[in-house]
N, C-alpha and C. Protein backbone atom coordinates (compact mmCIF):
# COMPACT_ATOMS: atom_id res chain seq x y z
N UNK A 1 80.81 -30.58 5.67
CA UNK A 1 79.78 -31.17 4.81
C UNK A 1 78.86 -30.04 4.34
N UNK A 2 78.58 -30.00 3.05
CA UNK A 2 77.69 -28.97 2.51
C UNK A 2 76.25 -29.28 2.90
N UNK A 3 75.39 -28.29 2.73
CA UNK A 3 73.97 -28.49 3.02
C UNK A 3 73.40 -29.61 2.16
N UNK A 4 73.73 -29.62 0.89
CA UNK A 4 73.25 -30.67 0.00
C UNK A 4 73.73 -32.04 0.47
N UNK A 5 74.97 -32.14 0.88
CA UNK A 5 75.50 -33.41 1.38
C UNK A 5 74.78 -33.86 2.65
N UNK A 6 74.46 -32.90 3.53
CA UNK A 6 73.71 -33.24 4.75
C UNK A 6 72.34 -33.80 4.41
N UNK A 7 71.67 -33.16 3.45
CA UNK A 7 70.33 -33.62 3.05
C UNK A 7 70.41 -35.01 2.45
N UNK A 8 71.34 -35.23 1.55
CA UNK A 8 71.48 -36.55 0.91
C UNK A 8 71.82 -37.61 1.96
N UNK A 9 72.72 -37.29 2.87
CA UNK A 9 73.09 -38.24 3.93
C UNK A 9 71.88 -38.63 4.76
N UNK A 10 71.09 -37.64 5.14
CA UNK A 10 69.90 -37.90 5.97
C UNK A 10 68.85 -38.67 5.18
N UNK A 11 68.64 -38.30 3.93
CA UNK A 11 67.69 -39.05 3.09
C UNK A 11 68.11 -40.51 2.95
N UNK A 12 69.39 -40.74 2.82
CA UNK A 12 69.88 -42.11 2.68
C UNK A 12 69.63 -42.94 3.94
N UNK A 13 69.53 -42.28 5.10
CA UNK A 13 69.19 -43.00 6.33
C UNK A 13 67.71 -43.38 6.35
N UNK A 14 66.87 -42.57 5.71
CA UNK A 14 65.42 -42.79 5.69
C UNK A 14 65.01 -43.80 4.61
N UNK A 15 65.71 -43.80 3.50
CA UNK A 15 65.31 -44.57 2.32
C UNK A 15 65.02 -46.05 2.57
N UNK A 16 65.78 -46.76 3.41
CA UNK A 16 65.47 -48.18 3.61
C UNK A 16 64.04 -48.42 4.12
N UNK A 17 63.52 -47.50 4.92
CA UNK A 17 62.16 -47.64 5.43
C UNK A 17 61.14 -47.46 4.32
N UNK A 18 61.40 -46.52 3.44
CA UNK A 18 60.50 -46.29 2.30
C UNK A 18 60.61 -47.46 1.32
N UNK A 19 61.82 -47.94 1.10
CA UNK A 19 62.04 -49.05 0.18
C UNK A 19 61.40 -50.34 0.68
N UNK A 20 61.25 -50.49 1.97
CA UNK A 20 60.66 -51.71 2.52
C UNK A 20 59.20 -51.86 2.10
N UNK A 21 58.57 -50.75 1.70
CA UNK A 21 57.19 -50.80 1.21
C UNK A 21 57.12 -50.73 -0.32
N UNK A 22 58.27 -50.88 -0.98
CA UNK A 22 58.30 -50.90 -2.44
C UNK A 22 58.47 -49.55 -3.10
N UNK A 23 58.62 -48.52 -2.29
CA UNK A 23 58.79 -47.18 -2.85
C UNK A 23 60.23 -46.73 -2.72
N UNK A 24 60.44 -45.49 -3.06
CA UNK A 24 61.76 -44.90 -2.89
C UNK A 24 61.64 -43.39 -3.05
N UNK A 25 62.63 -42.70 -2.60
CA UNK A 25 62.69 -41.26 -2.74
C UNK A 25 64.13 -40.86 -2.99
N UNK A 26 64.31 -39.84 -3.83
CA UNK A 26 65.65 -39.40 -4.16
C UNK A 26 65.72 -37.88 -4.11
N UNK A 27 66.84 -37.38 -3.64
CA UNK A 27 67.09 -35.95 -3.61
C UNK A 27 67.10 -35.40 -5.03
N UNK A 28 66.44 -34.27 -5.23
CA UNK A 28 66.48 -33.58 -6.53
C UNK A 28 67.31 -32.32 -6.39
N UNK A 29 66.87 -31.40 -5.52
CA UNK A 29 67.66 -30.19 -5.25
C UNK A 29 67.10 -29.49 -4.02
N UNK A 30 67.84 -28.49 -3.56
CA UNK A 30 67.38 -27.63 -2.47
C UNK A 30 67.48 -26.19 -2.96
N UNK A 31 66.45 -25.40 -2.70
CA UNK A 31 66.46 -24.02 -3.18
C UNK A 31 67.02 -23.07 -2.12
N UNK A 32 67.10 -21.81 -2.46
CA UNK A 32 67.70 -20.80 -1.59
C UNK A 32 66.90 -20.54 -0.32
N UNK A 33 65.65 -21.01 -0.28
CA UNK A 33 64.79 -20.84 0.89
C UNK A 33 64.81 -22.05 1.82
N UNK A 34 65.62 -23.04 1.51
CA UNK A 34 65.70 -24.24 2.33
C UNK A 34 64.65 -25.28 2.01
N UNK A 35 63.97 -25.13 0.88
CA UNK A 35 62.98 -26.11 0.46
C UNK A 35 63.69 -27.24 -0.29
N UNK A 36 63.52 -28.45 0.21
CA UNK A 36 64.12 -29.63 -0.40
C UNK A 36 63.11 -30.24 -1.36
N UNK A 37 63.56 -30.54 -2.56
CA UNK A 37 62.71 -31.18 -3.57
C UNK A 37 63.19 -32.62 -3.74
N UNK A 38 62.24 -33.54 -3.68
CA UNK A 38 62.55 -34.96 -3.84
C UNK A 38 61.74 -35.55 -4.99
N UNK A 39 62.27 -36.60 -5.55
CA UNK A 39 61.56 -37.39 -6.56
C UNK A 39 61.05 -38.64 -5.86
N UNK A 40 59.77 -38.95 -6.04
CA UNK A 40 59.24 -40.20 -5.53
C UNK A 40 59.34 -41.25 -6.61
N UNK A 41 59.70 -42.45 -6.21
CA UNK A 41 59.95 -43.53 -7.16
C UNK A 41 59.22 -44.79 -6.71
N UNK A 42 59.14 -45.75 -7.59
CA UNK A 42 58.56 -47.05 -7.26
C UNK A 42 57.12 -46.95 -6.84
N UNK A 43 56.78 -47.68 -5.79
CA UNK A 43 55.39 -47.75 -5.31
C UNK A 43 54.89 -46.41 -4.78
N UNK A 44 55.78 -45.47 -4.52
CA UNK A 44 55.35 -44.15 -4.03
C UNK A 44 54.60 -43.37 -5.10
N UNK A 45 54.89 -43.66 -6.36
CA UNK A 45 54.23 -42.95 -7.45
C UNK A 45 52.76 -43.34 -7.47
N UNK A 46 51.91 -42.37 -7.27
CA UNK A 46 50.47 -42.63 -7.29
C UNK A 46 49.91 -43.19 -5.99
N UNK A 47 50.74 -43.40 -4.98
CA UNK A 47 50.26 -43.93 -3.71
C UNK A 47 49.48 -42.86 -2.96
N UNK A 48 48.35 -43.24 -2.41
CA UNK A 48 47.52 -42.32 -1.67
C UNK A 48 48.15 -41.83 -0.38
N UNK A 49 49.15 -42.53 0.11
CA UNK A 49 49.82 -42.14 1.35
C UNK A 49 51.15 -41.41 1.11
N UNK A 50 51.44 -41.09 -0.14
CA UNK A 50 52.71 -40.44 -0.46
C UNK A 50 52.83 -39.10 0.26
N UNK A 51 51.75 -38.33 0.35
CA UNK A 51 51.81 -37.04 1.05
C UNK A 51 52.16 -37.22 2.52
N UNK A 52 51.60 -38.27 3.13
CA UNK A 52 51.90 -38.56 4.53
C UNK A 52 53.37 -38.94 4.68
N UNK A 53 53.87 -39.77 3.77
CA UNK A 53 55.27 -40.18 3.81
C UNK A 53 56.18 -38.97 3.70
N UNK A 54 55.83 -38.05 2.81
CA UNK A 54 56.67 -36.88 2.61
C UNK A 54 56.60 -35.94 3.81
N UNK A 55 55.41 -35.58 4.25
CA UNK A 55 55.27 -34.57 5.30
C UNK A 55 55.58 -35.11 6.69
N UNK A 56 55.04 -36.26 7.05
CA UNK A 56 55.23 -36.77 8.40
C UNK A 56 56.48 -37.64 8.54
N UNK A 57 57.04 -38.02 7.42
CA UNK A 57 58.25 -38.83 7.44
C UNK A 57 59.47 -38.04 7.02
N UNK A 58 59.62 -37.87 5.72
CA UNK A 58 60.82 -37.23 5.16
C UNK A 58 60.99 -35.81 5.68
N UNK A 59 59.95 -35.00 5.58
CA UNK A 59 60.06 -33.61 6.01
C UNK A 59 60.35 -33.49 7.50
N UNK A 60 59.63 -34.24 8.30
CA UNK A 60 59.82 -34.16 9.75
C UNK A 60 61.25 -34.51 10.15
N UNK A 61 61.80 -35.54 9.56
CA UNK A 61 63.16 -35.96 9.91
C UNK A 61 64.19 -34.96 9.41
N UNK A 62 64.04 -34.51 8.15
CA UNK A 62 64.99 -33.54 7.62
C UNK A 62 64.97 -32.25 8.42
N UNK A 63 63.79 -31.75 8.75
CA UNK A 63 63.70 -30.50 9.50
C UNK A 63 64.23 -30.66 10.92
N UNK A 64 64.08 -31.84 11.48
CA UNK A 64 64.59 -32.09 12.83
C UNK A 64 66.11 -32.15 12.85
N UNK A 65 66.70 -32.73 11.81
CA UNK A 65 68.15 -32.94 11.80
C UNK A 65 68.94 -31.82 11.14
N UNK A 66 68.28 -31.05 10.26
CA UNK A 66 69.00 -30.02 9.51
C UNK A 66 68.23 -28.70 9.64
N UNK A 67 68.76 -27.79 10.42
CA UNK A 67 68.06 -26.55 10.72
C UNK A 67 67.73 -25.71 9.49
N UNK A 68 68.54 -25.80 8.45
CA UNK A 68 68.32 -24.99 7.25
C UNK A 68 67.14 -25.45 6.41
N UNK A 69 66.67 -26.67 6.61
CA UNK A 69 65.54 -27.20 5.83
C UNK A 69 64.25 -26.62 6.38
N UNK A 70 63.46 -26.02 5.47
CA UNK A 70 62.20 -25.38 5.86
C UNK A 70 60.97 -26.15 5.41
N UNK A 71 61.13 -26.99 4.40
CA UNK A 71 59.99 -27.73 3.84
C UNK A 71 60.53 -28.78 2.89
N UNK A 72 59.72 -29.80 2.62
CA UNK A 72 60.04 -30.79 1.60
C UNK A 72 58.88 -30.85 0.63
N UNK A 73 59.19 -30.79 -0.64
CA UNK A 73 58.19 -30.88 -1.70
C UNK A 73 58.58 -31.97 -2.68
N UNK A 74 57.57 -32.54 -3.30
CA UNK A 74 57.78 -33.56 -4.32
C UNK A 74 57.88 -32.87 -5.67
N UNK A 75 58.90 -33.22 -6.42
CA UNK A 75 59.02 -32.71 -7.79
C UNK A 75 57.94 -33.37 -8.63
N UNK A 76 57.23 -32.58 -9.39
CA UNK A 76 56.25 -33.17 -10.28
C UNK A 76 56.92 -33.47 -11.63
N UNK A 77 56.22 -34.18 -12.47
CA UNK A 77 56.81 -34.61 -13.74
C UNK A 77 57.12 -33.44 -14.65
N UNK A 78 56.57 -32.25 -14.33
CA UNK A 78 56.84 -31.07 -15.15
C UNK A 78 58.04 -30.28 -14.64
N UNK A 79 58.68 -30.75 -13.54
CA UNK A 79 59.85 -30.07 -12.99
C UNK A 79 59.45 -28.96 -12.08
């Protein structure tokens, strides 16, 4: 399984929890430094707790399960 496939697989395990609150997150890309970029969707857009969801949820789980992941960042609308 490639690194990208591992990230997508792990994100897909997390997504139902985010979706239960009306939001969603999708893999965008991973850079050469192990930084994963995600797109926030649905209720996550503009939510005051989105940073908490990303850092304490998505990032924590990805970094725990995939050693190559160093950080998770949200893609902004400007790319």
